[in-house]
Structures are given as structure tokens and as C-alpha cells.
Amino acid sequence: MAISILHTIDSGTSAGTHHFPTSLGFDYRGGKSTFAFSGTDFSNVTHIKIQANFDGTATNWIDLTDSADNAVEVDSPTILTVDIGKCKLRFLGLVAGGDTQSDINITVS
């Protein structure tokens, strides 16, 4: 059974920091989920952070952190388990730019 792709980060996006899927994020139902970040070339997407918003304003975003209170940054194919309440989530990607065919896919289950 194939897991559908939640979002694809286009590695050909212009250089800079970008919000995916949008700066407003998406509604997350809460609970425990597994996020998979896959792609063959992370060189144009230097890192991806996951951010949460709990107040519904879409202006107060908090980086998800690990148990040592470090912001989680994905810079290679990775699988992460997230256990968080109902909120909005978004992905913050630092894109180096360039035109490649190596997009980064994000799936959730």
C-alpha cells in the first residue's frame, strides 16, 4: 500500500527560506504520526524544520525540538515520529536554489 505524499518541496525553488505547503501551514489532527522525508539529493534544500502553531493566528510559530531542546532539522532522508496535540504544522525549508530534478517528498502515516 502506497502512502500518499503530503507535500513535495521543489528543489528548484528560488534561493531563500520558504514555508511549505504555505506560510499558513496545514491543519494537523494531533496525536502520534510518522513523517518521512525522502529524495535523492538534499544539496539544494539544505535543511527543513517542522514548525507548529497552537493559537490559530498563523503568526506564532514554534520550532519542534528534540529531547535536548534542539530544533529538529532534516538535512538527509529521515523518518521522524511526532507526538503533538491538534495544531497547524508547516515545514520551513532553507533552499539553496538552482534547477534540479531532485525534489524532497514528505509523507505522513
Protein backbone atom coordinates (compact mmCIF):
# COMPACT_ATOMS: atom_id res chain seq x y z
CA MET A 1 0.00 0.00 0.00
CA ALA A 2 1.49 3.32 -1.05
CA ILE A 3 1.41 6.22 1.37
CA SER A 4 0.32 9.42 -0.31
CA ILE A 5 2.70 12.36 -0.40
CA LEU A 6 1.72 15.16 1.95
CA HIS A 7 3.89 17.73 0.18
CA THR A 8 6.78 17.98 -2.27
CA ILE A 9 9.45 20.62 -1.77
CA ASP A 10 10.62 21.70 -5.21
CA SER A 11 14.40 21.87 -5.00
CA GLY A 12 14.33 24.26 -7.98
CA THR A 13 12.60 26.91 -5.83
CA SER A 14 14.45 30.21 -5.67
CA ALA A 15 17.13 30.51 -3.00
CA GLY A 16 15.99 31.56 0.45
CA THR A 17 13.76 30.44 3.29
CA HIS A 18 10.36 29.14 2.23
CA HIS A 19 7.29 27.81 4.03
CA PHE A 20 5.70 24.61 2.79
CA PRO A 21 2.94 23.99 1.88
CA THR A 22 2.26 27.70 2.62
CA SER A 23 3.11 30.21 5.35
CA LEU A 24 -0.32 29.39 6.89
CA GLY A 25 0.56 25.71 7.33
CA PHE A 26 -2.00 22.89 7.37
CA ASP A 27 -4.39 21.52 9.99
CA TYR A 28 -2.86 18.64 11.93
CA ARG A 29 -5.28 16.35 13.77
CA GLY A 30 -2.93 15.78 16.68
CA GLY A 31 -1.55 12.55 18.07
CA LYS A 32 1.36 10.40 17.05
CA SER A 33 2.40 10.35 13.38
CA THR A 34 5.42 9.30 11.38
CA PHE A 35 6.83 11.77 8.87
CA ALA A 36 9.20 10.56 6.17
CA PHE A 37 11.45 12.93 4.21
CA SER A 38 12.77 11.32 1.05
CA GLY A 39 14.65 12.38 -2.04
CA THR A 40 17.88 11.60 -3.78
CA ASP A 41 19.59 14.96 -3.39
CA PHE A 42 19.30 17.24 -0.36
CA SER A 43 22.07 19.55 -1.62
CA ASN A 44 19.63 22.27 -2.80
CA VAL A 45 17.39 22.00 0.28
CA THR A 46 19.99 22.47 3.00
CA HIS A 47 17.60 21.81 5.89
CA ILE A 48 13.94 21.54 6.76
CA LYS A 49 12.39 22.43 10.13
CA ILE A 50 8.92 21.46 11.33
CA GLN A 51 7.00 24.29 12.99
CA ALA A 52 3.75 24.26 14.97
CA ASN A 53 1.16 26.93 15.73
CA PHE A 54 -1.34 26.43 18.55
CA ASP A 55 -3.18 29.75 18.74
CA GLY A 56 -4.78 29.74 15.29
CA THR A 57 -3.29 33.10 14.29
CA ALA A 58 -0.73 31.58 11.94
CA THR A 59 1.78 34.15 13.16
CA ASN A 60 3.24 32.50 16.29
CA TRP A 61 5.24 29.52 15.03
CA ILE A 62 7.35 27.29 17.27
CA ASP A 63 10.13 25.01 16.01
CA LEU A 64 9.65 21.38 17.03
CA THR A 65 12.55 20.30 19.21
CA ASP A 66 14.15 17.06 20.30
CA SER A 67 14.54 15.90 23.92
CA ALA A 68 17.66 18.10 24.30
CA ASP A 69 15.64 21.19 23.23
CA ASN A 70 17.41 21.49 19.85
CA ALA A 71 15.33 22.45 16.83
CA VAL A 72 14.75 19.41 14.64
CA GLU A 73 16.44 19.99 11.28
CA VAL A 74 16.15 17.46 8.45
CA ASP A 75 19.08 17.53 6.03
CA SER A 76 19.02 13.98 4.64
CA PRO A 77 16.46 11.21 4.09
CA THR A 78 14.86 10.87 7.53
CA ILE A 79 11.94 9.31 9.36
CA LEU A 80 10.62 11.19 12.41
CA THR A 81 7.89 10.33 14.87
CA VAL A 82 5.95 13.34 16.11
CA ASP A 83 3.54 13.23 19.06
CA ILE A 84 1.84 16.60 19.43
CA GLY A 85 -1.63 17.98 20.03
CA LYS A 86 -4.04 19.44 17.49
CA CYS A 87 -2.39 22.40 15.78
CA LYS A 88 -1.25 23.81 12.48
CA LEU A 89 2.03 22.49 11.08
CA ARG A 90 4.30 23.77 8.37
CA PHE A 91 7.73 22.98 7.02
CA LEU A 92 10.37 25.68 6.90
CA GLY A 93 12.90 24.92 4.18
CA LEU A 94 16.17 26.68 3.54
CA VAL A 95 16.60 26.30 -0.21
CA ALA A 96 19.96 26.92 -1.86
CA GLY A 97 18.28 27.37 -5.25
CA GLY A 98 19.14 26.02 -8.62
CA ASP A 99 17.25 23.87 -11.07
CA THR A 100 17.44 20.20 -10.24
CA GLN A 101 15.14 17.25 -10.67
CA SER A 102 15.61 16.09 -7.07
CA ASP A 103 12.56 17.19 -5.13
CA ILE A 104 12.08 16.31 -1.46
CA ASN A 105 8.87 14.38 -0.71
CA ILE A 106 7.20 14.49 2.69
CA THR A 107 4.83 11.67 3.60
CA VAL A 108 2.90 11.06 6.81
CA SER A 109 1.28 8.00 8.30
